[in-house]
């Protein structure tokens, strides 16, 4: 579910607006990836704990 924003032009064609929008999308993408990584690590830890305590 990675948004395809690289190479897309902004609607008004302004370079400044495009850079700001691009950066905001990039930060959102990083945030989503870090949240996903945290969930993955937590679920892996829980799974390992369940297996080791059986």
N, C-alpha and C. Protein backbone atom coordinates (compact mmCIF):
# COMPACT_ATOMS: atom_id res chain seq x y z
N UNK A 1 0.84 -1.20 0.00
CA UNK A 1 0.00 0.00 0.00
C UNK A 1 0.87 1.25 0.00
N UNK A 2 1.88 1.29 -0.86
CA UNK A 2 2.74 2.48 -0.93
C UNK A 2 2.19 3.40 -2.00
N UNK A 3 1.86 4.63 -1.64
CA UNK A 3 1.31 5.55 -2.64
C UNK A 3 2.34 5.89 -3.71
N UNK A 4 1.92 5.89 -4.95
CA UNK A 4 2.82 6.19 -6.07
C UNK A 4 2.77 7.69 -6.34
N UNK A 5 3.64 8.41 -5.70
CA UNK A 5 3.62 9.87 -5.84
C UNK A 5 4.86 10.39 -6.54
N UNK A 6 5.90 9.55 -6.72
CA UNK A 6 7.13 10.03 -7.33
C UNK A 6 6.89 10.27 -8.82
N UNK A 7 7.22 11.45 -9.28
CA UNK A 7 7.05 11.77 -10.68
C UNK A 7 5.69 12.37 -11.00
N UNK A 8 4.76 12.35 -10.08
CA UNK A 8 3.45 12.97 -10.33
C UNK A 8 3.56 14.48 -10.20
N UNK A 9 2.91 15.18 -11.11
CA UNK A 9 2.89 16.65 -11.06
C UNK A 9 1.73 17.10 -10.18
N UNK A 10 1.94 18.20 -9.47
CA UNK A 10 0.83 18.74 -8.68
C UNK A 10 -0.19 19.38 -9.62
N UNK A 11 -1.40 19.59 -9.10
CA UNK A 11 -2.50 20.04 -9.96
C UNK A 11 -2.26 21.44 -10.51
N UNK A 12 -1.71 22.34 -9.69
CA UNK A 12 -1.51 23.72 -10.17
C UNK A 12 -0.18 23.89 -10.90
N UNK A 13 0.68 22.89 -10.88
CA UNK A 13 1.92 22.95 -11.62
C UNK A 13 3.01 23.77 -10.95
N UNK A 14 2.75 24.29 -9.76
CA UNK A 14 3.74 25.12 -9.08
C UNK A 14 4.84 24.25 -8.50
N UNK A 15 6.09 24.62 -8.73
CA UNK A 15 7.23 23.85 -8.21
C UNK A 15 7.25 23.86 -6.68
N UNK A 16 7.01 25.03 -6.11
CA UNK A 16 7.06 25.16 -4.65
C UNK A 16 5.99 24.28 -4.00
N UNK A 17 4.80 24.35 -4.53
CA UNK A 17 3.69 23.55 -3.99
C UNK A 17 4.00 22.06 -4.17
N UNK A 18 4.59 21.71 -5.31
CA UNK A 18 4.91 20.31 -5.58
C UNK A 18 5.93 19.78 -4.58
N UNK A 19 6.95 20.60 -4.29
CA UNK A 19 7.96 20.17 -3.33
C UNK A 19 7.37 19.99 -1.95
N UNK A 20 6.53 20.92 -1.52
CA UNK A 20 5.91 20.83 -0.20
C UNK A 20 5.01 19.60 -0.12
N UNK A 21 4.22 19.38 -1.15
CA UNK A 21 3.31 18.23 -1.17
C UNK A 21 4.12 16.93 -1.20
N UNK A 22 5.19 16.90 -1.97
CA UNK A 22 6.04 15.73 -2.08
C UNK A 22 6.67 15.41 -0.72
N UNK A 23 7.13 16.44 -0.04
CA UNK A 23 7.77 16.24 1.26
C UNK A 23 6.74 15.75 2.29
N UNK A 24 5.55 16.31 2.27
CA UNK A 24 4.51 15.88 3.20
C UNK A 24 4.14 14.41 2.95
N UNK A 25 4.02 14.03 1.68
CA UNK A 25 3.70 12.64 1.36
C UNK A 25 4.83 11.72 1.80
N UNK A 26 6.06 12.18 1.62
CA UNK A 26 7.23 11.39 2.02
C UNK A 26 7.24 11.19 3.53
N UNK A 27 6.99 12.24 4.30
CA UNK A 27 6.95 12.12 5.76
C UNK A 27 5.83 11.20 6.20
N UNK A 28 4.67 11.30 5.55
CA UNK A 28 3.56 10.41 5.87
C UNK A 28 3.94 8.96 5.59
N UNK A 29 4.63 8.74 4.46
CA UNK A 29 5.06 7.40 4.10
C UNK A 29 6.02 6.85 5.15
N UNK A 30 6.98 7.66 5.60
CA UNK A 30 7.93 7.23 6.63
C UNK A 30 7.19 6.90 7.92
N UNK A 31 6.23 7.74 8.29
CA UNK A 31 5.46 7.51 9.51
C UNK A 31 4.69 6.20 9.43
N UNK A 32 4.03 5.95 8.28
CA UNK A 32 3.29 4.72 8.10
C UNK A 32 4.22 3.51 8.17
N UNK A 33 5.40 3.62 7.56
CA UNK A 33 6.34 2.50 7.57
C UNK A 33 6.84 2.21 8.99
N UNK A 34 7.13 3.27 9.75
CA UNK A 34 7.63 3.06 11.12
C UNK A 34 6.53 2.47 12.00
N UNK A 35 5.28 2.92 11.82
CA UNK A 35 4.17 2.34 12.58
C UNK A 35 4.00 0.87 12.22
N UNK A 36 4.09 0.55 10.94
CA UNK A 36 3.95 -0.83 10.49
C UNK A 36 5.07 -1.69 11.05
N UNK A 37 6.29 -1.16 11.06
CA UNK A 37 7.44 -1.89 11.60
C UNK A 37 7.26 -2.16 13.09
N UNK A 38 6.78 -1.15 13.84
CA UNK A 38 6.52 -1.33 15.27
C UNK A 38 5.50 -2.43 15.50
N UNK A 39 4.40 -2.42 14.73
CA UNK A 39 3.38 -3.45 14.89
C UNK A 39 3.96 -4.82 14.57
N UNK A 40 4.79 -4.90 13.53
CA UNK A 40 5.39 -6.17 13.14
C UNK A 40 6.31 -6.69 14.24
N UNK A 41 7.13 -5.82 14.81
CA UNK A 41 8.04 -6.23 15.88
C UNK A 41 7.26 -6.68 17.11
N UNK A 42 6.21 -5.94 17.46
CA UNK A 42 5.41 -6.29 18.64
C UNK A 42 4.73 -7.64 18.43
N UNK A 43 4.14 -7.87 17.26
CA UNK A 43 3.45 -9.13 17.00
C UNK A 43 4.45 -10.28 16.98
N UNK A 44 5.66 -10.05 16.43
CA UNK A 44 6.69 -11.09 16.43
C UNK A 44 7.13 -11.41 17.84
N UNK A 45 7.26 -10.39 18.68
CA UNK A 45 7.65 -10.59 20.07
C UNK A 45 6.58 -11.39 20.81
N UNK A 46 5.31 -11.03 20.61
CA UNK A 46 4.21 -11.75 21.25
C UNK A 46 4.19 -13.20 20.82
N UNK A 47 4.40 -13.44 19.53
CA UNK A 47 4.42 -14.81 19.02
C UNK A 47 5.55 -15.60 19.65
N UNK A 48 6.73 -15.00 19.72
CA UNK A 48 7.87 -15.67 20.33
C UNK A 48 7.65 -15.96 21.80
N UNK A 49 6.98 -15.04 22.49
CA UNK A 49 6.71 -15.23 23.91
C UNK A 49 5.72 -16.38 24.11
N UNK A 50 4.70 -16.45 23.27
CA UNK A 50 3.72 -17.53 23.38
C UNK A 50 4.39 -18.88 23.12
N UNK A 51 5.26 -18.94 22.13
CA UNK A 51 5.93 -20.20 21.80
C UNK A 51 6.87 -20.61 22.93
N UNK A 52 7.61 -19.67 23.48
CA UNK A 52 8.62 -20.03 24.48
C UNK A 52 8.01 -20.42 25.82
N UNK A 53 6.78 -19.94 26.11
CA UNK A 53 6.17 -20.24 27.41
C UNK A 53 5.22 -21.44 27.35
N UNK A 54 5.09 -22.08 26.20
CA UNK A 54 4.20 -23.25 26.11
C UNK A 54 4.86 -24.47 26.73
